[in-house]
Amino acid sequence: MRPIPVDLLHAQQQWHATYRQLAVHPRTALRQQLIRLSAEVLFHPYWQGRRTGPWAALHGARHGRSAT
């Protein structure tokens, strides 16, 4: 398994932080940031050719597991 690139890991961490902020402070700017980060994670080159996608990684990271 290839290691997750630093920029993808950073985007996933930002996604989770933004999601938590949005839950407390529902703001348009946070929704827009979450959409941008979602696209950044979803369409990252790391996922090309993999059977498991980015949503599995986000779900696994959210629950303390890594996707394989």
N, C-alpha and C. Protein backbone atom coordinates (compact mmCIF):
# COMPACT_ATOMS: atom_id res chain seq x y z
N MET A 1 0.84 -1.18 0.00
CA MET A 1 0.00 0.00 0.00
C MET A 1 0.88 1.24 0.00
N ARG A 2 0.54 2.17 -0.88
CA ARG A 2 1.31 3.41 -0.94
C ARG A 2 0.98 4.29 0.26
N PRO A 3 1.96 5.03 0.76
CA PRO A 3 1.66 5.97 1.84
C PRO A 3 0.81 7.12 1.32
N ILE A 4 -0.04 7.65 2.17
CA ILE A 4 -0.90 8.76 1.80
C ILE A 4 -0.04 10.02 1.68
N PRO A 5 -0.15 10.74 0.56
CA PRO A 5 0.64 11.98 0.38
C PRO A 5 0.28 13.02 1.44
N VAL A 6 1.25 13.82 1.78
CA VAL A 6 1.08 14.83 2.83
C VAL A 6 -0.03 15.81 2.48
N ASP A 7 -0.12 16.23 1.22
CA ASP A 7 -1.16 17.20 0.86
C ASP A 7 -2.55 16.60 0.98
N LEU A 8 -2.70 15.32 0.69
CA LEU A 8 -4.00 14.65 0.85
C LEU A 8 -4.33 14.49 2.33
N LEU A 9 -3.38 14.11 3.11
CA LEU A 9 -3.59 13.98 4.55
C LEU A 9 -4.00 15.32 5.16
N HIS A 10 -3.32 16.38 4.74
CA HIS A 10 -3.63 17.72 5.23
C HIS A 10 -5.06 18.13 4.83
N ALA A 11 -5.45 17.84 3.60
CA ALA A 11 -6.80 18.17 3.13
C ALA A 11 -7.85 17.39 3.92
N GLN A 12 -7.58 16.13 4.23
CA GLN A 12 -8.51 15.34 5.03
C GLN A 12 -8.64 15.90 6.44
N GLN A 13 -7.53 16.30 7.02
CA GLN A 13 -7.56 16.89 8.36
C GLN A 13 -8.33 18.21 8.36
N GLN A 14 -8.12 19.02 7.32
CA GLN A 14 -8.86 20.28 7.20
C GLN A 14 -10.35 20.01 7.01
N TRP A 15 -10.68 18.97 6.23
CA TRP A 15 -12.07 18.60 6.00
C TRP A 15 -12.77 18.29 7.32
N HIS A 16 -12.12 17.47 8.16
CA HIS A 16 -12.71 17.11 9.46
C HIS A 16 -12.85 18.33 10.38
N ALA A 17 -11.84 19.18 10.39
CA ALA A 17 -11.89 20.38 11.23
C ALA A 17 -13.01 21.31 10.77
N THR A 18 -13.14 21.48 9.46
CA THR A 18 -14.19 22.34 8.92
C THR A 18 -15.57 21.76 9.21
N TYR A 19 -15.70 20.45 9.09
CA TYR A 19 -16.97 19.79 9.38
C TYR A 19 -17.38 20.03 10.83
N ARG A 20 -16.43 19.89 11.74
CA ARG A 20 -16.71 20.14 13.16
C ARG A 20 -17.11 21.59 13.40
N GLN A 21 -16.43 22.54 12.75
CA GLN A 21 -16.77 23.96 12.89
C GLN A 21 -18.16 24.24 12.33
N LEU A 22 -18.47 23.63 11.21
CA LEU A 22 -19.76 23.83 10.57
C LEU A 22 -20.90 23.32 11.46
N ALA A 23 -20.67 22.26 12.19
CA ALA A 23 -21.70 21.73 13.09
C ALA A 23 -22.04 22.73 14.19
N VAL A 24 -21.05 23.50 14.62
CA VAL A 24 -21.25 24.46 15.71
C VAL A 24 -21.70 25.82 15.17
N HIS A 25 -21.11 26.23 14.05
CA HIS A 25 -21.38 27.55 13.47
C HIS A 25 -21.75 27.40 12.00
N PRO A 26 -23.02 27.12 11.71
CA PRO A 26 -23.41 26.95 10.30
C PRO A 26 -23.28 28.26 9.51
N ARG A 27 -22.26 28.33 8.70
CA ARG A 27 -21.97 29.53 7.92
C ARG A 27 -21.73 29.14 6.46
N THR A 28 -22.11 30.04 5.57
CA THR A 28 -21.92 29.80 4.14
C THR A 28 -20.45 29.59 3.81
N ALA A 29 -19.58 30.39 4.38
CA ALA A 29 -18.14 30.27 4.08
C ALA A 29 -17.62 28.89 4.47
N LEU A 30 -18.08 28.35 5.58
CA LEU A 30 -17.64 27.02 6.00
C LEU A 30 -18.20 25.94 5.07
N ARG A 31 -19.44 26.10 4.63
CA ARG A 31 -20.02 25.14 3.67
C ARG A 31 -19.23 25.16 2.37
N GLN A 32 -18.88 26.35 1.91
CA GLN A 32 -18.10 26.45 0.67
C GLN A 32 -16.72 25.83 0.84
N GLN A 33 -16.11 26.05 1.99
CA GLN A 33 -14.79 25.46 2.25
C GLN A 33 -14.90 23.93 2.29
N LEU A 34 -15.96 23.41 2.91
CA LEU A 34 -16.15 21.97 2.98
C LEU A 34 -16.34 21.37 1.58
N ILE A 35 -17.07 22.07 0.72
CA ILE A 35 -17.25 21.60 -0.66
C ILE A 35 -15.92 21.59 -1.40
N ARG A 36 -15.14 22.66 -1.24
CA ARG A 36 -13.83 22.73 -1.90
C ARG A 36 -12.91 21.60 -1.42
N LEU A 37 -12.89 21.39 -0.11
CA LEU A 37 -12.04 20.33 0.45
C LEU A 37 -12.51 18.94 0.03
N SER A 38 -13.83 18.77 -0.06
CA SER A 38 -14.37 17.49 -0.51
C SER A 38 -13.90 17.17 -1.92
N ALA A 39 -13.95 18.17 -2.79
CA ALA A 39 -13.48 17.97 -4.16
C ALA A 39 -11.98 17.70 -4.20
N GLU A 40 -11.24 18.41 -3.37
CA GLU A 40 -9.78 18.22 -3.32
C GLU A 40 -9.43 16.79 -2.90
N VAL A 41 -10.15 16.28 -1.91
CA VAL A 41 -9.90 14.91 -1.44
C VAL A 41 -10.40 13.90 -2.46
N LEU A 42 -11.61 14.09 -2.96
CA LEU A 42 -12.22 13.14 -3.88
C LEU A 42 -11.44 12.97 -5.17
N PHE A 43 -10.93 14.08 -5.72
CA PHE A 43 -10.26 14.03 -7.02
C PHE A 43 -8.74 14.06 -6.93
N HIS A 44 -8.19 13.77 -5.77
CA HIS A 44 -6.73 13.74 -5.62
C HIS A 44 -6.15 12.60 -6.46
N PRO A 45 -5.02 12.83 -7.11
CA PRO A 45 -4.41 11.79 -7.96
C PRO A 45 -4.10 10.48 -7.21
N TYR A 46 -3.96 10.55 -5.91
CA TYR A 46 -3.67 9.34 -5.12
C TYR A 46 -4.72 8.25 -5.35
N TRP A 47 -5.97 8.64 -5.61
CA TRP A 47 -7.05 7.67 -5.73
C TRP A 47 -7.11 7.01 -7.09
N GLN A 48 -6.38 7.49 -8.07
CA GLN A 48 -6.43 6.90 -9.40
C GLN A 48 -5.91 5.46 -9.34
N GLY A 49 -6.70 4.55 -9.85
CA GLY A 49 -6.28 3.16 -9.92
C GLY A 49 -6.48 2.38 -8.63
N ARG A 50 -7.12 2.96 -7.64
CA ARG A 50 -7.37 2.25 -6.38
C ARG A 50 -8.80 1.72 -6.36
N ARG A 51 -8.98 0.58 -5.71
CA ARG A 51 -10.32 0.02 -5.60
C ARG A 51 -11.13 0.71 -4.52
N THR A 52 -10.48 1.15 -3.46
CA THR A 52 -11.20 1.88 -2.41
C THR A 52 -11.05 3.35 -2.68
N GLY A 53 -12.10 4.08 -2.48
CA GLY A 53 -12.10 5.49 -2.80
C GLY A 53 -11.86 6.37 -1.59
N PRO A 54 -11.89 7.66 -1.82
CA PRO A 54 -11.62 8.62 -0.75
C PRO A 54 -12.68 8.62 0.34
N TRP A 55 -13.93 8.29 -0.02
CA TRP A 55 -14.97 8.31 1.02
C TRP A 55 -14.74 7.20 2.02
N ALA A 56 -14.18 6.08 1.57
CA ALA A 56 -13.83 5.00 2.50
C ALA A 56 -12.74 5.48 3.45
N ALA A 57 -11.79 6.25 2.92
CA ALA A 57 -10.72 6.77 3.77
C ALA A 57 -11.25 7.79 4.76
N LEU A 58 -12.14 8.67 4.31
CA LEU A 58 -12.72 9.65 5.22
C LEU A 58 -13.52 8.95 6.30
N HIS A 59 -14.31 7.96 5.92
CA HIS A 59 -15.11 7.22 6.89
C HIS A 59 -14.20 6.49 7.88
N GLY A 60 -13.16 5.84 7.36
CA GLY A 60 -12.24 5.12 8.23
C GLY A 60 -11.48 6.04 9.16
N ALA A 61 -11.04 7.17 8.66
CA ALA A 61 -10.31 8.13 9.49
C ALA A 61 -11.21 8.69 10.58
N ARG A 62 -12.47 8.89 10.24
CA ARG A 62 -13.42 9.43 11.21
C ARG A 62 -13.63 8.45 12.36
N HIS A 63 -13.48 7.15 12.08
CA HIS A 63 -13.72 6.14 13.08
C HIS A 63 -12.43 5.50 13.58
N GLY A 64 -11.32 6.14 13.33
CA GLY A 64 -10.04 5.67 13.86
C GLY A 64 -9.46 4.49 13.13
N ARG A 65 -9.89 4.24 11.88
CA ARG A 65 -9.36 3.14 11.10
C ARG A 65 -8.75 3.68 9.83
N SER A 66 -7.88 2.89 9.23
CA SER A 66 -7.33 3.29 7.92
C SER A 66 -7.97 2.43 6.85
N ALA A 67 -8.22 3.03 5.70
CA ALA A 67 -8.80 2.30 4.58
C ALA A 67 -7.70 1.59 3.83
N THR A 68 -7.96 0.38 3.34
CA THR A 68 -6.99 -0.36 2.55
C THR A 68 -7.58 -0.74 1.23
